[in-house]
C-alpha atoms as a PDB file:
ATOM      1  CA  UNK A   1     -18.587  92.525 -43.047  1.00  0.00           C
ATOM      2  CA  UNK A   2     -14.914  92.809 -43.902  1.00  0.00           C
ATOM      3  CA  UNK A   3     -13.831  91.590 -47.329  1.00  0.00           C
ATOM      4  CA  UNK A   4     -12.105  88.259 -46.793  1.00  0.00           C
ATOM      5  CA  UNK A   5     -10.879  87.690 -50.359  1.00  0.00           C
ATOM      6  CA  UNK A   6      -7.146  87.594 -50.928  1.00  0.00           C
ATOM      7  CA  UNK A   7      -6.017  90.834 -52.564  1.00  0.00           C
ATOM      8  CA  UNK A   8      -5.302  89.316 -55.976  1.00  0.00           C
ATOM      9  CA  UNK A   9      -8.777  87.737 -56.147  1.00  0.00           C
ATOM     10  CA  UNK A  10     -10.287  91.076 -55.208  1.00  0.00           C
ATOM     11  CA  UNK A  11      -8.336  92.740 -58.028  1.00  0.00           C
ATOM     12  CA  UNK A  12      -9.601  90.186 -60.545  1.00  0.00           C
ATOM     13  CA  UNK A  13     -13.197  90.682 -59.404  1.00  0.00           C
ATOM     14  CA  UNK A  14     -12.835  94.472 -59.575  1.00  0.00           C
ATOM     15  CA  UNK A  15     -11.336  94.324 -63.081  1.00  0.00           C
ATOM     16  CA  UNK A  16     -14.172  92.062 -64.235  1.00  0.00           C
ATOM     17  CA  UNK A  17     -16.778  94.420 -62.804  1.00  0.00           C
ATOM     18  CA  UNK A  18     -15.058  97.547 -64.190  1.00  0.00           C
ATOM     19  CA  UNK A  19     -15.233  96.019 -67.656  1.00  0.00           C
ATOM     20  CA  UNK A  20     -18.894  95.119 -67.287  1.00  0.00           C
ATOM     21  CA  UNK A  21     -18.230  91.394 -67.689  1.00  0.00           C
ATOM     22  CA  UNK A  22     -20.515  88.961 -65.888  1.00  0.00           C
ATOM     23  CA  UNK A  23     -19.259  85.831 -64.181  1.00  0.00           C
ATOM     24  CA  UNK A  24     -20.940  83.725 -66.878  1.00  0.00           C
ATOM     25  CA  UNK A  25     -19.218  85.714 -69.617  1.00  0.00           C
ATOM     26  CA  UNK A  26     -15.856  85.393 -67.893  1.00  0.00           C
ATOM     27  CA  UNK A  27     -16.433  81.684 -67.520  1.00  0.00           C
ATOM     28  CA  UNK A  28     -16.912  81.336 -71.280  1.00  0.00           C
ATOM     29  CA  UNK A  29     -13.976  83.629 -72.042  1.00  0.00           C
ATOM     30  CA  UNK A  30     -11.549  81.898 -69.678  1.00  0.00           C
ATOM     31  CA  UNK A  31     -12.622  78.273 -69.745  1.00  0.00           C
ATOM     32  CA  UNK A  32     -12.931  78.354 -65.942  1.00  0.00           C
ATOM     33  CA  UNK A  33     -16.260  76.956 -64.778  1.00  0.00           C
ATOM     34  CA  UNK A  34     -18.939  79.345 -63.586  1.00  0.00           C
ATOM     35  CA  UNK A  35     -19.094  77.416 -60.318  1.00  0.00           C
ATOM     36  CA  UNK A  36     -15.370  77.944 -59.729  1.00  0.00           C
ATOM     37  CA  UNK A  37     -15.614  81.659 -60.503  1.00  0.00           C
ATOM     38  CA  UNK A  38     -18.478  82.171 -58.081  1.00  0.00           C
ATOM     39  CA  UNK A  39     -16.620  80.229 -55.381  1.00  0.00           C
ATOM     40  CA  UNK A  40     -13.505  82.345 -55.955  1.00  0.00           C
ATOM     41  CA  UNK A  41     -15.386  85.616 -55.725  1.00  0.00           C
ATOM     42  CA  UNK A  42     -17.364  84.539 -52.672  1.00  0.00           C
ATOM     43  CA  UNK A  43     -14.231  83.409 -50.845  1.00  0.00           C
ATOM     44  CA  UNK A  44     -15.075  79.711 -50.721  1.00  0.00           C
ATOM     45  CA  UNK A  45     -11.949  78.954 -52.768  1.00  0.00           C
ATOM     46  CA  UNK A  46      -9.111  80.928 -51.211  1.00  0.00           C
ATOM     47  CA  UNK A  47      -6.085  79.348 -52.893  1.00  0.00           C
ATOM     48  CA  UNK A  48      -6.847  78.646 -56.544  1.00  0.00           C
ATOM     49  CA  UNK A  49      -4.351  76.891 -58.766  1.00  0.00           C
ATOM     50  CA  UNK A  50      -1.960  78.902 -60.882  1.00  0.00           C
ATOM     51  CA  UNK A  51      -3.639  77.711 -64.090  1.00  0.00           C
ATOM     52  CA  UNK A  52      -7.031  79.066 -62.962  1.00  0.00           C
ATOM     53  CA  UNK A  53      -5.529  82.465 -62.161  1.00  0.00           C
ATOM     54  CA  UNK A  54      -3.635  82.427 -65.459  1.00  0.00           C
ATOM     55  CA  UNK A  55      -6.795  81.655 -67.465  1.00  0.00           C
ATOM     56  CA  UNK A  56      -8.753  84.442 -65.759  1.00  0.00           C
ATOM     57  CA  UNK A  57      -5.993  87.036 -66.146  1.00  0.00           C
ATOM     58  CA  UNK A  58      -5.554  86.093 -69.811  1.00  0.00           C
ATOM     59  CA  UNK A  59      -9.307  86.375 -70.452  1.00  0.00           C
ATOM     60  CA  UNK A  60      -9.298  89.831 -68.825  1.00  0.00           C
ATOM     61  CA  UNK A  61      -6.230  90.803 -70.867  1.00  0.00           C
ATOM     62  CA  UNK A  62      -4.158  91.368 -67.748  1.00  0.00           C
ATOM     63  CA  UNK A  63      -0.629  90.418 -66.808  1.00  0.00           C
ATOM     64  CA  UNK A  64      -0.019  88.347 -63.692  1.00  0.00           C
ATOM     65  CA  UNK A  65       2.178  91.052 -62.171  1.00  0.00           C
ATOM     66  CA  UNK A  66      -0.752  93.490 -62.405  1.00  0.00           C
ATOM     67  CA  UNK A  67      -2.721  91.488 -59.860  1.00  0.00           C
ATOM     68  CA  UNK A  68      -0.036  90.023 -57.642  1.00  0.00           C
ATOM     69  CA  UNK A  69       1.461  91.969 -54.757  1.00  0.00           C
ATOM     70  CA  UNK A  70       4.902  93.258 -55.509  1.00  0.00           C
END
């Protein structure tokens, strides 16, 4: 099955996994609900709000331009 996640969501998931952070841990770190994180990573939510992306990138110590296509 082809990955249907937008590229920037894929990058966030990969960064989380590379750092050994679970979805529950990221939820606590970012203030984004666990339910929202699982929906993002499963592709149910395809267009999250800017504030959600900002909270996740901040929790992962990333800059927005690191995950967005240039």
